[in-house]
């Protein structure tokens, strides 16, 4: 049995059209799965970080070399909000500095604290 060339051409065109229609849906699904996996990884990292914070003792009165506080009260407040997680505080301060360059040091501490308070409401 011989298949006419027009039929073969039609079948190929239909297959290509079906793939072009399905491709965006497959990409959207793939991106959703990637986001989901990243969120789960972040949750696992946060749990691990929380467990590490419970095991390590930090002295909130001790100032950090990388993030000197112009106001010790702000440093103590931020560390209390983060349950003594100095690494987390430094990470938040670094992000604030990168996003808002040229501000006074005390402004960054106040910004991070106010952002945490806002996010916890």
Protein backbone atom coordinates (compact mmCIF):
# COMPACT_ATOMS: atom_id res chain seq x y z
CA UNK A 1 0.00 0.00 0.00
CA UNK A 2 1.46 3.30 -1.08
CA UNK A 3 0.70 6.48 0.87
CA UNK A 4 0.24 9.54 -1.29
CA UNK A 5 2.82 12.32 -0.81
CA UNK A 6 0.06 14.80 0.03
CA UNK A 7 -0.99 12.68 2.99
CA UNK A 8 2.57 12.40 4.25
CA UNK A 9 3.02 16.15 3.89
CA UNK A 10 -0.25 16.77 5.74
CA UNK A 11 0.72 14.40 8.58
CA UNK A 12 4.13 16.05 8.98
CA UNK A 13 2.53 19.52 9.01
CA UNK A 14 -0.03 18.39 11.58
CA UNK A 15 2.71 16.90 13.80
CA UNK A 16 4.79 20.08 13.61
CA UNK A 17 1.74 22.21 14.41
CA UNK A 18 0.90 20.00 17.39
CA UNK A 19 4.46 20.33 18.71
CA UNK A 20 4.42 24.10 18.28
CA UNK A 21 1.17 24.29 20.20
CA UNK A 22 2.38 21.98 22.97
CA UNK A 23 5.84 23.57 23.37
CA UNK A 24 4.75 26.69 25.33
CA UNK A 25 2.72 24.56 27.73
CA UNK A 26 5.67 22.23 28.28
CA UNK A 27 7.96 25.20 28.93
CA UNK A 28 5.53 26.74 31.41
CA UNK A 29 5.25 23.41 33.22
CA UNK A 30 9.03 23.01 33.28
CA UNK A 31 9.55 26.53 34.68
CA UNK A 32 6.91 25.89 37.35
CA UNK A 33 8.69 22.70 38.38
CA UNK A 34 12.03 24.52 38.55
CA UNK A 35 10.50 27.25 40.75
CA UNK A 36 8.93 24.61 42.96
CA UNK A 37 12.24 22.78 43.35
CA UNK A 38 14.06 26.03 44.19
CA UNK A 39 11.44 26.91 46.80
CA UNK A 40 11.74 23.48 48.38
CA UNK A 41 15.53 23.82 48.41
CA UNK A 42 15.28 27.23 50.07
CA UNK A 43 12.97 25.78 52.72
CA UNK A 44 15.45 22.97 53.38
CA UNK A 45 18.32 25.46 53.61
CA UNK A 46 16.34 27.65 56.01
CA UNK A 47 15.60 24.63 58.22
CA UNK A 48 19.26 23.67 58.18
CA UNK A 49 20.23 27.24 58.99
CA UNK A 50 17.73 27.33 61.85
CA UNK A 51 19.14 24.10 63.25
CA UNK A 52 22.67 25.49 63.01
CA UNK A 53 21.57 28.69 64.78
CA UNK A 54 20.21 26.64 67.67
CA UNK A 55 23.48 24.79 68.07
CA UNK A 56 25.81 27.78 67.90
CA UNK A 57 25.93 30.39 70.58
CA UNK A 58 26.48 33.96 69.53
CA UNK A 59 27.16 37.02 71.56
CA UNK A 60 24.79 39.74 70.34
CA UNK A 61 26.86 42.42 72.07
CA UNK A 62 29.89 41.49 69.96
CA UNK A 63 30.00 43.59 66.81
CA UNK A 64 30.77 42.02 63.44
CA UNK A 65 33.85 42.96 61.42
CA UNK A 66 31.94 43.16 58.13
CA UNK A 67 28.93 45.09 59.39
CA UNK A 68 29.86 47.62 62.05
CA UNK A 69 26.81 49.13 63.68
CA UNK A 70 26.90 52.82 64.36
CA UNK A 71 24.24 52.10 66.96
CA UNK A 72 24.67 49.01 69.14
CA UNK A 73 20.94 49.01 69.92
CA UNK A 74 20.10 48.47 66.27
CA UNK A 75 22.52 45.57 66.04
CA UNK A 76 21.09 43.97 69.17
CA UNK A 77 17.53 44.43 67.91
CA UNK A 78 18.31 42.90 64.50
CA UNK A 79 20.13 39.94 66.03
CA UNK A 80 17.25 39.41 68.46
CA UNK A 81 14.79 39.42 65.55
CA UNK A 82 16.95 36.82 63.77
CA UNK A 83 17.44 34.75 66.93
CA UNK A 84 21.18 35.44 66.98
CA UNK A 85 21.79 34.56 63.34
CA UNK A 86 24.73 36.89 62.64
CA UNK A 87 25.31 35.39 59.17
CA UNK A 88 21.71 36.08 58.24
CA UNK A 89 21.99 39.65 59.52
CA UNK A 90 25.14 40.23 57.48
CA UNK A 91 23.45 38.78 54.39
CA UNK A 92 20.43 41.09 54.80
CA UNK A 93 22.65 44.11 55.39
CA UNK A 94 24.76 43.28 52.34
CA UNK A 95 21.62 43.04 50.20
CA UNK A 96 20.37 46.37 51.54
CA UNK A 97 23.73 48.00 50.75
CA UNK A 98 23.72 46.60 47.22
CA UNK A 99 20.16 47.71 46.57
CA UNK A 100 20.59 51.18 48.09
CA UNK A 101 24.20 52.31 47.71
CA UNK A 102 25.52 55.52 49.25
CA UNK A 103 23.35 55.59 52.36
CA UNK A 104 24.64 56.06 55.93
CA UNK A 105 25.47 52.82 57.74
CA UNK A 106 22.75 53.32 60.34
CA UNK A 107 20.15 53.62 57.55
CA UNK A 108 20.89 50.06 56.40
CA UNK A 109 20.33 48.68 59.89
CA UNK A 110 17.04 50.56 60.20
CA UNK A 111 15.97 49.44 56.70
CA UNK A 112 16.61 45.75 57.41
CA UNK A 113 14.81 45.94 60.75
CA UNK A 114 11.80 47.74 59.26
CA UNK A 115 11.65 45.29 56.35
CA UNK A 116 11.66 42.35 58.77
CA UNK A 117 8.94 43.94 60.89
CA UNK A 118 6.85 44.65 57.79
CA UNK A 119 7.27 41.11 56.45
CA UNK A 120 6.26 39.59 59.78
CA UNK A 121 2.93 41.43 59.89
